[in-house]
Every structure is written in structure tokens, then in C-alpha cells.
Amino acid sequence: AGPLRQGVSMDVVGNRVHTFVRVKSTADAAQDMIKFGPDTKSIDIHIPKDAKKGLVNNSQTDWSFRLDGVLHNTSQDQVYEKVAKNLVSKALIGYSGTIMCYGQTGAGKTYTMKGATSEYERRGIIPRAIEQVLGEGWDQWHRQLLCQLL
């Protein structure tokens, strides 16, 4: 696939949604329930059955996920390099891309996307993407820049 040109559609064969999970540090008790694969692309979760709460037949207690990346104890810079940098580079040559965070309240979605406002090194994906767009594209562009935040 190449850059978007007038009258030519992009070849989307081989492109797919990439999935990553960023695991927030947890209490020691929870660490026994989460196992990370050595390839940093898989995660296993085991919830032990609590006999005091009663046993429910057919209740699921184990999950295994295979992803494009498991981000555990990862800096904001490492998250950007792994998740967003290539996507932003492709957007600069005409491809579309979306980064979406999903999770419960307090999971760290806003921190991942926006970062810590008081510390430059802890800035998130959005300010890093803006920096990349202005750094890579500024000298090369003779066209209009359109950004949409939904």
C-alpha cells in the first residue's frame, strides 16, 4: 500500500486492528492472578474460586489473551513508540488511523492519552503525536493540515 493519491484508493489488504493492553500496577494479591507471557504479547488471568462465596457451576475463572503487545511497567515514551508512532507516520502520508482507550474509571485512559500536565517526560500520546506531526511533516508540507478530535 502506498500514500493516498487523488483518484486512487488505498490498498487495505493486510491492515488490521492492532490491540494492546496497558496493565496498571496492582496490589500484591492481584499479581498472583495475572501472568504475562515471555513474548510480551500474551496475558493470562486466573480468578481463584472463593468457597466462602459459594461455587457457581460453569463460571469462568480463567482467561487468556493474545495481543500485539502487553505494556506492563511501561513508560509513556515506550507506550508511544509501541502503539502510536508508526500510526502517526502513516497518517502523515495519507492513511487513516485511530487510537482508542477503553477501560473502567480510574484505569489510566486519560493519563495514557494526555499524560501528566506538570511533567514533560510523562506527557501522553496526544501531545507526542502533535510533536511528531509538527516535527516530521512541517518541512515537507505544502498542503492543508486537518485534525479532528472526536
N, C-alpha and C. Protein backbone atom coordinates (compact mmCIF):
# COMPACT_ATOMS: atom_id res chain seq x y z
N ALA A 1 0.84 -1.18 0.00
CA ALA A 1 0.00 0.00 0.00
C ALA A 1 0.87 1.23 0.00
N GLY A 2 0.43 2.23 -0.66
CA GLY A 2 1.21 3.46 -0.74
C GLY A 2 0.42 4.64 -0.26
N PRO A 3 1.00 5.83 -0.40
CA PRO A 3 0.31 7.03 0.05
C PRO A 3 -0.95 7.28 -0.79
N LEU A 4 -1.87 8.00 -0.20
CA LEU A 4 -3.12 8.32 -0.87
C LEU A 4 -2.86 9.34 -1.97
N ARG A 5 -3.33 9.02 -3.16
CA ARG A 5 -3.21 9.95 -4.28
C ARG A 5 -4.60 10.22 -4.81
N GLN A 6 -4.77 11.37 -5.44
CA GLN A 6 -6.08 11.74 -5.94
C GLN A 6 -6.57 10.69 -6.94
N GLY A 7 -7.78 10.19 -6.73
CA GLY A 7 -8.37 9.22 -7.63
C GLY A 7 -7.93 7.78 -7.41
N VAL A 8 -7.07 7.54 -6.44
CA VAL A 8 -6.58 6.19 -6.17
C VAL A 8 -6.94 5.83 -4.73
N SER A 9 -7.58 4.69 -4.54
CA SER A 9 -7.91 4.28 -3.18
C SER A 9 -6.75 3.54 -2.55
N MET A 10 -6.68 3.57 -1.23
CA MET A 10 -5.61 2.88 -0.51
C MET A 10 -5.87 1.39 -0.50
N ASP A 11 -4.83 0.62 -0.62
CA ASP A 11 -4.92 -0.83 -0.51
C ASP A 11 -4.93 -1.18 0.97
N VAL A 12 -6.03 -1.76 1.43
CA VAL A 12 -6.14 -2.07 2.85
C VAL A 12 -5.89 -3.54 3.15
N VAL A 13 -5.50 -4.30 2.14
CA VAL A 13 -5.20 -5.71 2.36
C VAL A 13 -3.99 -5.81 3.29
N GLY A 14 -4.11 -6.63 4.30
CA GLY A 14 -3.01 -6.80 5.25
C GLY A 14 -3.07 -5.86 6.44
N ASN A 15 -3.89 -4.82 6.36
CA ASN A 15 -4.04 -3.93 7.50
C ASN A 15 -5.10 -4.52 8.42
N ARG A 16 -4.89 -4.37 9.70
CA ARG A 16 -5.85 -4.89 10.67
C ARG A 16 -5.79 -4.03 11.92
N VAL A 17 -6.74 -4.23 12.78
CA VAL A 17 -6.75 -3.54 14.06
C VAL A 17 -5.66 -4.15 14.94
N HIS A 18 -4.87 -3.31 15.55
CA HIS A 18 -3.84 -3.77 16.48
C HIS A 18 -4.36 -3.55 17.89
N THR A 19 -4.14 -4.51 18.76
CA THR A 19 -4.62 -4.41 20.13
C THR A 19 -3.46 -4.51 21.11
N PHE A 20 -3.50 -3.62 22.08
CA PHE A 20 -2.51 -3.59 23.15
C PHE A 20 -3.26 -3.50 24.46
N VAL A 21 -2.66 -3.99 25.51
CA VAL A 21 -3.22 -3.80 26.84
C VAL A 21 -2.12 -3.17 27.69
N ARG A 22 -2.47 -2.10 28.39
CA ARG A 22 -1.55 -1.47 29.33
C ARG A 22 -2.04 -1.85 30.72
N VAL A 23 -1.21 -2.55 31.45
CA VAL A 23 -1.59 -3.06 32.76
C VAL A 23 -1.07 -2.11 33.82
N LYS A 24 -1.98 -1.57 34.60
CA LYS A 24 -1.63 -0.69 35.70
C LYS A 24 -1.07 -1.53 36.85
N SER A 25 -0.08 -1.01 37.54
CA SER A 25 0.48 -1.74 38.69
C SER A 25 -0.64 -2.06 39.67
N THR A 26 -0.56 -3.25 40.25
CA THR A 26 -1.63 -3.70 41.14
C THR A 26 -1.06 -4.11 42.49
N ALA A 27 -1.96 -4.35 43.42
CA ALA A 27 -1.57 -4.84 44.74
C ALA A 27 -0.96 -6.23 44.61
N ASP A 28 -0.18 -6.63 45.61
CA ASP A 28 0.49 -7.93 45.58
C ASP A 28 -0.49 -9.08 45.40
N ALA A 29 -1.67 -8.99 46.01
CA ALA A 29 -2.65 -10.07 45.92
C ALA A 29 -3.09 -10.28 44.47
N ALA A 30 -3.26 -9.20 43.74
CA ALA A 30 -3.71 -9.30 42.35
C ALA A 30 -2.60 -9.83 41.44
N GLN A 31 -1.35 -9.60 41.81
CA GLN A 31 -0.24 -10.05 40.96
C GLN A 31 -0.23 -11.56 40.80
N ASP A 32 -0.74 -12.29 41.78
CA ASP A 32 -0.79 -13.75 41.68
C ASP A 32 -1.82 -14.20 40.64
N MET A 33 -2.74 -13.33 40.29
CA MET A 33 -3.80 -13.69 39.35
C MET A 33 -3.45 -13.36 37.91
N ILE A 34 -2.39 -12.57 37.70
CA ILE A 34 -2.03 -12.11 36.36
C ILE A 34 -0.66 -12.66 35.99
N LYS A 35 -0.57 -13.32 34.85
CA LYS A 35 0.70 -13.85 34.36
C LYS A 35 0.94 -13.30 32.95
N PHE A 36 2.13 -12.76 32.75
CA PHE A 36 2.50 -12.20 31.46
C PHE A 36 3.33 -13.21 30.68
N GLY A 37 3.03 -13.34 29.40
CA GLY A 37 3.81 -14.25 28.55
C GLY A 37 5.20 -13.70 28.32
N PRO A 38 6.19 -14.57 28.10
CA PRO A 38 7.56 -14.13 27.89
C PRO A 38 7.74 -13.33 26.60
N ASP A 39 6.79 -13.45 25.68
CA ASP A 39 6.88 -12.74 24.41
C ASP A 39 6.29 -11.33 24.48
N THR A 40 5.82 -10.90 25.64
CA THR A 40 5.13 -9.62 25.86
C THR A 40 3.93 -9.43 24.92
N LYS A 41 3.35 -10.53 24.49
CA LYS A 41 2.18 -10.46 23.62
C LYS A 41 1.01 -11.31 24.13
N SER A 42 1.14 -11.81 25.33
CA SER A 42 0.05 -12.60 25.88
C SER A 42 -0.08 -12.35 27.38
N ILE A 43 -1.30 -12.53 27.85
CA ILE A 43 -1.59 -12.34 29.27
C ILE A 43 -2.63 -13.38 29.68
N ASP A 44 -2.40 -13.98 30.83
CA ASP A 44 -3.33 -14.96 31.40
C ASP A 44 -3.84 -14.42 32.73
N ILE A 45 -5.13 -14.55 32.94
CA ILE A 45 -5.76 -14.08 34.17
C ILE A 45 -6.48 -15.25 34.81
N HIS A 46 -6.23 -15.45 36.10
CA HIS A 46 -6.89 -16.52 36.84
C HIS A 46 -7.51 -15.93 38.10
N ILE A 47 -8.80 -16.10 38.25
CA ILE A 47 -9.52 -15.65 39.45
C ILE A 47 -9.82 -16.90 40.27
N PRO A 48 -9.19 -17.05 41.43
CA PRO A 48 -9.44 -18.26 42.22
C PRO A 48 -10.88 -18.29 42.73
N LYS A 49 -11.43 -19.48 42.79
CA LYS A 49 -12.79 -19.63 43.32
C LYS A 49 -12.76 -19.46 44.83
N ASP A 50 -13.74 -18.75 45.34
CA ASP A 50 -13.85 -18.49 46.77
C ASP A 50 -14.99 -19.36 47.33
N ALA A 51 -14.62 -20.43 48.03
CA ALA A 51 -15.62 -21.36 48.56
C ALA A 51 -16.58 -20.68 49.54
N LYS A 52 -16.13 -19.62 50.20
CA LYS A 52 -16.99 -18.91 51.16
C LYS A 52 -18.16 -18.21 50.46
N LYS A 53 -17.94 -17.81 49.23
CA LYS A 53 -18.99 -17.12 48.48
C LYS A 53 -19.87 -18.09 47.71
N GLY A 54 -19.55 -19.35 47.81
CA GLY A 54 -20.34 -20.36 47.09
C GLY A 54 -19.77 -20.58 45.69
N LEU A 55 -19.99 -21.73 45.17
CA LEU A 55 -19.49 -22.07 43.85
C LEU A 55 -20.63 -22.02 42.85
N VAL A 56 -20.36 -21.43 41.72
CA VAL A 56 -21.35 -21.34 40.66
C VAL A 56 -20.89 -22.26 39.53
N ASN A 57 -21.74 -23.17 39.13
CA ASN A 57 -21.38 -24.07 38.04
C ASN A 57 -21.14 -23.28 36.76
N ASN A 58 -20.17 -23.71 36.01
CA ASN A 58 -19.85 -23.13 34.70
C ASN A 58 -19.39 -21.68 34.76
N SER A 59 -19.00 -21.18 35.92
CA SER A 59 -18.49 -19.81 35.96
C SER A 59 -17.04 -19.82 35.49
N GLN A 60 -16.72 -18.88 34.65
CA GLN A 60 -15.38 -18.82 34.09
C GLN A 60 -14.43 -18.17 35.09
N THR A 61 -13.28 -18.78 35.28
CA THR A 61 -12.29 -18.24 36.21
C THR A 61 -10.94 -18.03 35.54
N ASP A 62 -10.79 -18.43 34.29
CA ASP A 62 -9.52 -18.27 33.58
C ASP A 62 -9.75 -17.64 32.22
N TRP A 63 -8.87 -16.68 31.89
CA TRP A 63 -8.91 -16.04 30.59
C TRP A 63 -7.49 -15.95 30.06
N SER A 64 -7.33 -16.13 28.77
CA SER A 64 -6.04 -15.96 28.10
C SER A 64 -6.26 -15.05 26.90
N PHE A 65 -5.37 -14.07 26.75
CA PHE A 65 -5.48 -13.13 25.65
C PHE A 65 -4.16 -13.07 24.90
N ARG A 66 -4.23 -13.06 23.59
CA ARG A 66 -3.06 -12.87 22.72
C ARG A 66 -3.27 -11.53 22.02
N LEU A 67 -2.28 -10.65 22.14
CA LEU A 67 -2.40 -9.29 21.66
C LEU A 67 -1.17 -8.91 20.84
N ASP A 68 -1.16 -7.68 20.35
CA ASP A 68 0.03 -7.18 19.67
C ASP A 68 1.08 -6.73 20.68
N GLY A 69 0.65 -6.48 21.90
CA GLY A 69 1.59 -6.09 22.93
C GLY A 69 0.94 -5.97 24.29
N VAL A 70 1.67 -6.41 25.30
CA VAL A 70 1.26 -6.22 26.68
C VAL A 70 2.23 -5.21 27.28
N LEU A 71 1.71 -4.08 27.71
CA LEU A 71 2.53 -3.00 28.24
C LEU A 71 2.39 -2.99 29.75
N HIS A 72 3.40 -3.48 30.43
CA HIS A 72 3.39 -3.58 31.89
C HIS A 72 4.63 -2.88 32.41
N ASN A 73 4.45 -1.99 33.40
CA ASN A 73 5.57 -1.18 33.90
C ASN A 73 6.26 -0.47 32.74
N THR A 74 5.47 0.17 31.90
CA THR A 74 5.95 0.80 30.68
C THR A 74 5.84 2.32 30.80
N SER A 75 6.88 3.02 30.37
CA SER A 75 6.87 4.49 30.41
C SER A 75 5.96 5.04 29.32
N GLN A 76 5.61 6.31 29.45
CA GLN A 76 4.79 6.97 28.44
C GLN A 76 5.51 6.95 27.08
N ASP A 77 6.82 7.15 27.10
CA ASP A 77 7.59 7.13 25.86
C ASP A 77 7.54 5.75 25.20
N GLN A 78 7.68 4.71 25.99
CA GLN A 78 7.62 3.34 25.46
C GLN A 78 6.23 3.03 24.90
N VAL A 79 5.19 3.51 25.57
CA VAL A 79 3.83 3.31 25.07
C VAL A 79 3.69 3.98 23.71
N TYR A 80 4.16 5.21 23.59
CA TYR A 80 4.05 5.93 22.32
C TYR A 80 4.81 5.21 21.20
N GLU A 81 6.03 4.81 21.49
CA GLU A 81 6.84 4.11 20.48
C GLU A 81 6.15 2.84 20.00
N LYS A 82 5.57 2.10 20.91
CA LYS A 82 4.97 0.80 20.58
C LYS A 82 3.60 0.94 19.92
N VAL A 83 2.79 1.89 20.39
CA VAL A 83 1.39 1.96 19.99
C VAL A 83 1.14 2.99 18.88
N ALA A 84 1.73 4.16 18.97
CA ALA A 84 1.28 5.28 18.15
C ALA A 84 2.24 5.78 17.09
N LYS A 85 3.52 5.66 17.29
CA LYS A 85 4.48 6.31 16.39
C LYS A 85 4.30 5.91 14.93
N ASN A 86 4.18 4.62 14.66
CA ASN A 86 4.02 4.15 13.28
C ASN A 86 2.68 4.60 12.70
N LEU A 87 1.64 4.59 13.52
CA LEU A 87 0.32 5.03 13.07
C LEU A 87 0.34 6.50 12.67
N VAL A 88 1.00 7.33 13.46
CA VAL A 88 1.10 8.76 13.14
C VAL A 88 1.91 8.95 11.86
N SER A 89 3.00 8.21 11.70
CA SER A 89 3.81 8.31 10.47
C SER A 89 2.97 7.96 9.25
N LYS A 90 2.15 6.93 9.35
CA LYS A 90 1.29 6.54 8.22
C LYS A 90 0.23 7.61 7.95
N ALA A 91 -0.28 8.24 9.00
CA ALA A 91 -1.27 9.31 8.82
C ALA A 91 -0.66 10.47 8.04
N LEU A 92 0.62 10.70 8.23
CA LEU A 92 1.30 11.80 7.53
C LEU A 92 1.40 11.57 6.03
N ILE A 93 1.25 10.32 5.58
CA ILE A 93 1.29 10.05 4.14
C ILE A 93 -0.09 9.68 3.60
N GLY A 94 -1.13 9.91 4.39
CA GLY A 94 -2.48 9.79 3.88
C GLY A 94 -3.33 8.66 4.40
N TYR A 95 -2.79 7.84 5.26
CA TYR A 95 -3.58 6.75 5.82
C TYR A 95 -4.43 7.25 6.98
N SER A 96 -5.52 6.56 7.24
CA SER A 96 -6.35 6.87 8.40
C SER A 96 -5.92 5.99 9.56
N GLY A 97 -6.12 6.48 10.75
CA GLY A 97 -5.79 5.70 11.93
C GLY A 97 -6.55 6.20 13.14
N THR A 98 -6.77 5.32 14.07
CA THR A 98 -7.48 5.65 15.30
C THR A 98 -6.79 4.99 16.47
N ILE A 99 -6.67 5.72 17.55
CA ILE A 99 -6.19 5.15 18.81
C ILE A 99 -7.33 5.32 19.80
N MET A 100 -7.72 4.24 20.42
CA MET A 100 -8.85 4.27 21.34
C MET A 100 -8.44 3.60 22.65
N CYS A 101 -8.77 4.24 23.74
CA CYS A 101 -8.54 3.64 25.06
C CYS A 101 -9.89 3.21 25.62
N TYR A 102 -9.89 2.07 26.25
CA TYR A 102 -11.13 1.54 26.83
C TYR A 102 -10.80 0.95 28.20
N GLY A 103 -11.65 1.20 29.16
CA GLY A 103 -11.45 0.62 30.48
C GLY A 103 -12.33 1.29 31.50
N GLN A 104 -12.31 0.75 32.69
CA GLN A 104 -13.16 1.29 33.75
C GLN A 104 -12.59 2.59 34.28
N THR A 105 -13.39 3.30 35.04
CA THR A 105 -12.98 4.55 35.66
C THR A 105 -11.75 4.33 36.52
N GLY A 106 -10.76 5.20 36.35
CA GLY A 106 -9.55 5.11 37.15
C GLY A 106 -8.50 4.17 36.60
N ALA A 107 -8.74 3.60 35.43
CA ALA A 107 -7.81 2.62 34.86
C ALA A 107 -6.56 3.26 34.25
N GLY A 108 -6.63 4.55 33.91
CA GLY A 108 -5.47 5.23 33.35
C GLY A 108 -5.61 5.66 31.90
N LYS A 109 -6.83 5.71 31.38
CA LYS A 109 -7.05 6.09 29.98
C LYS A 109 -6.61 7.53 29.73
N THR A 110 -7.03 8.44 30.57
CA THR A 110 -6.68 9.85 30.39
C THR A 110 -5.19 10.06 30.55
N TYR A 111 -4.59 9.40 31.51
CA TYR A 111 -3.14 9.50 31.71
C TYR A 111 -2.40 9.01 30.47
N THR A 112 -2.83 7.90 29.91
CA THR A 112 -2.18 7.36 28.72
C THR A 112 -2.31 8.32 27.55
N MET A 113 -3.48 8.89 27.35
CA MET A 113 -3.70 9.75 26.19
C MET A 113 -3.17 11.17 26.38
N LYS A 114 -3.38 11.77 27.55
CA LYS A 114 -2.97 13.15 27.78
C LYS A 114 -1.69 13.27 28.58
N GLY A 115 -1.50 12.39 29.52
CA GLY A 115 -0.30 12.41 30.34
C GLY A 115 -0.45 13.27 31.57
N ALA A 116 0.69 13.45 32.24
CA ALA A 116 0.75 14.31 33.42
C ALA A 116 1.08 15.71 32.95
N THR A 117 0.20 16.65 33.24
CA THR A 117 0.38 18.00 32.71
C THR A 117 1.57 18.73 33.31
N SER A 118 2.00 18.33 34.49
CA SER A 118 3.08 19.05 35.16
C SER A 118 4.47 18.52 34.81
N GLU A 119 4.55 17.37 34.18
CA GLU A 119 5.86 16.78 33.89
C GLU A 119 5.97 16.43 32.40
N TYR A 120 6.90 17.08 31.73
CA TYR A 120 7.08 16.91 30.28
C TYR A 120 7.34 15.46 29.90
N GLU A 121 8.17 14.76 30.64
CA GLU A 121 8.51 13.37 30.32
C GLU A 121 7.32 12.43 30.43
N ARG A 122 6.31 12.84 31.18
CA ARG A 122 5.14 11.99 31.38
C ARG A 122 3.96 12.42 30.50
N ARG A 123 4.25 13.19 29.44
CA ARG A 123 3.18 13.58 28.53
C ARG A 123 2.67 12.34 27.80
N GLY A 124 1.43 12.40 27.35
CA GLY A 124 0.78 11.22 26.78
C GLY A 124 0.87 11.13 25.27
N ILE A 125 0.03 10.27 24.72
CA ILE A 125 0.02 10.01 23.29
C ILE A 125 -0.35 11.25 22.49
N ILE A 126 -1.35 12.01 22.91
CA ILE A 126 -1.80 13.18 22.14
C ILE A 126 -0.70 14.22 21.99
N PRO A 127 -0.07 14.71 23.07
CA PRO A 127 0.99 15.70 22.86
C PRO A 127 2.19 15.14 22.09
N ARG A 128 2.50 13.88 22.25
CA ARG A 128 3.60 13.28 21.50
C ARG A 128 3.26 13.19 20.01
N ALA A 129 2.00 12.87 19.70
CA ALA A 129 1.58 12.80 18.30
C ALA A 129 1.65 14.18 17.64
N ILE A 130 1.20 15.20 18.35
CA ILE A 130 1.28 16.57 17.83
C ILE A 130 2.73 16.93 17.56
N GLU A 131 3.61 16.61 18.50
CA GLU A 131 5.04 16.88 18.34
C GLU A 131 5.59 16.15 17.10
N GLN A 132 5.20 14.91 16.90
CA GLN A 132 5.67 14.15 15.74
C GLN A 132 5.15 14.74 14.43
N VAL A 133 3.87 15.11 14.41
CA VAL A 133 3.28 15.69 13.20
C VAL A 133 4.00 16.98 12.83
N LEU A 134 4.21 17.83 13.81
CA LEU A 134 4.86 19.10 13.52
C LEU A 134 6.34 18.91 13.20
N GLY A 135 6.98 17.93 13.81
CA GLY A 135 8.39 17.68 13.56
C GLY A 135 8.65 17.03 12.21
N GLU A 136 7.92 15.97 11.89
CA GLU A 136 8.14 15.24 10.63
C GLU A 136 7.55 15.93 9.43
N GLY A 137 6.40 16.51 9.60
CA GLY A 137 5.67 16.99 8.45
C GLY A 137 5.86 18.45 8.09
N TRP A 138 6.31 19.24 9.02
CA TRP A 138 6.33 20.68 8.81
C TRP A 138 7.12 21.09 7.58
N ASP A 139 8.32 20.57 7.41
CA ASP A 139 9.17 20.96 6.29
C ASP A 139 8.70 20.36 4.96
N GLN A 140 7.96 19.27 5.01
CA GLN A 140 7.57 18.57 3.79
C GLN A 140 6.23 19.04 3.23
N TRP A 141 5.45 19.73 4.00
CA TRP A 141 4.08 20.01 3.58
C TRP A 141 3.95 21.31 2.83
N HIS A 142 3.13 21.22 1.81
CA HIS A 142 2.66 22.42 1.11
C HIS A 142 1.16 22.23 0.91
N ARG A 143 0.52 21.74 1.93
CA ARG A 143 -0.90 21.44 1.87
C ARG A 143 -1.56 21.77 3.20
N GLN A 144 -2.85 21.61 3.23
CA GLN A 144 -3.63 21.94 4.42
C GLN A 144 -3.57 20.80 5.43
N LEU A 145 -3.48 21.17 6.70
CA LEU A 145 -3.48 20.19 7.79
C LEU A 145 -4.85 20.23 8.45
N LEU A 146 -5.48 19.06 8.55
CA LEU A 146 -6.80 18.96 9.18
C LEU A 146 -6.72 17.93 10.30
N CYS A 147 -7.04 18.36 11.51
CA CYS A 147 -7.08 17.46 12.65
C CYS A 147 -8.50 17.43 13.18
N GLN A 148 -8.95 16.24 13.55
CA GLN A 148 -10.28 16.08 14.10
C GLN A 148 -10.19 15.32 15.40
N LEU A 149 -10.69 15.90 16.48
CA LEU A 149 -10.77 15.21 17.76
C LEU A 149 -12.24 14.97 18.05
N LEU A 150 -12.59 13.71 18.17
CA LEU A 150 -14.00 13.37 18.41
C LEU A 150 -14.21 12.97 19.84
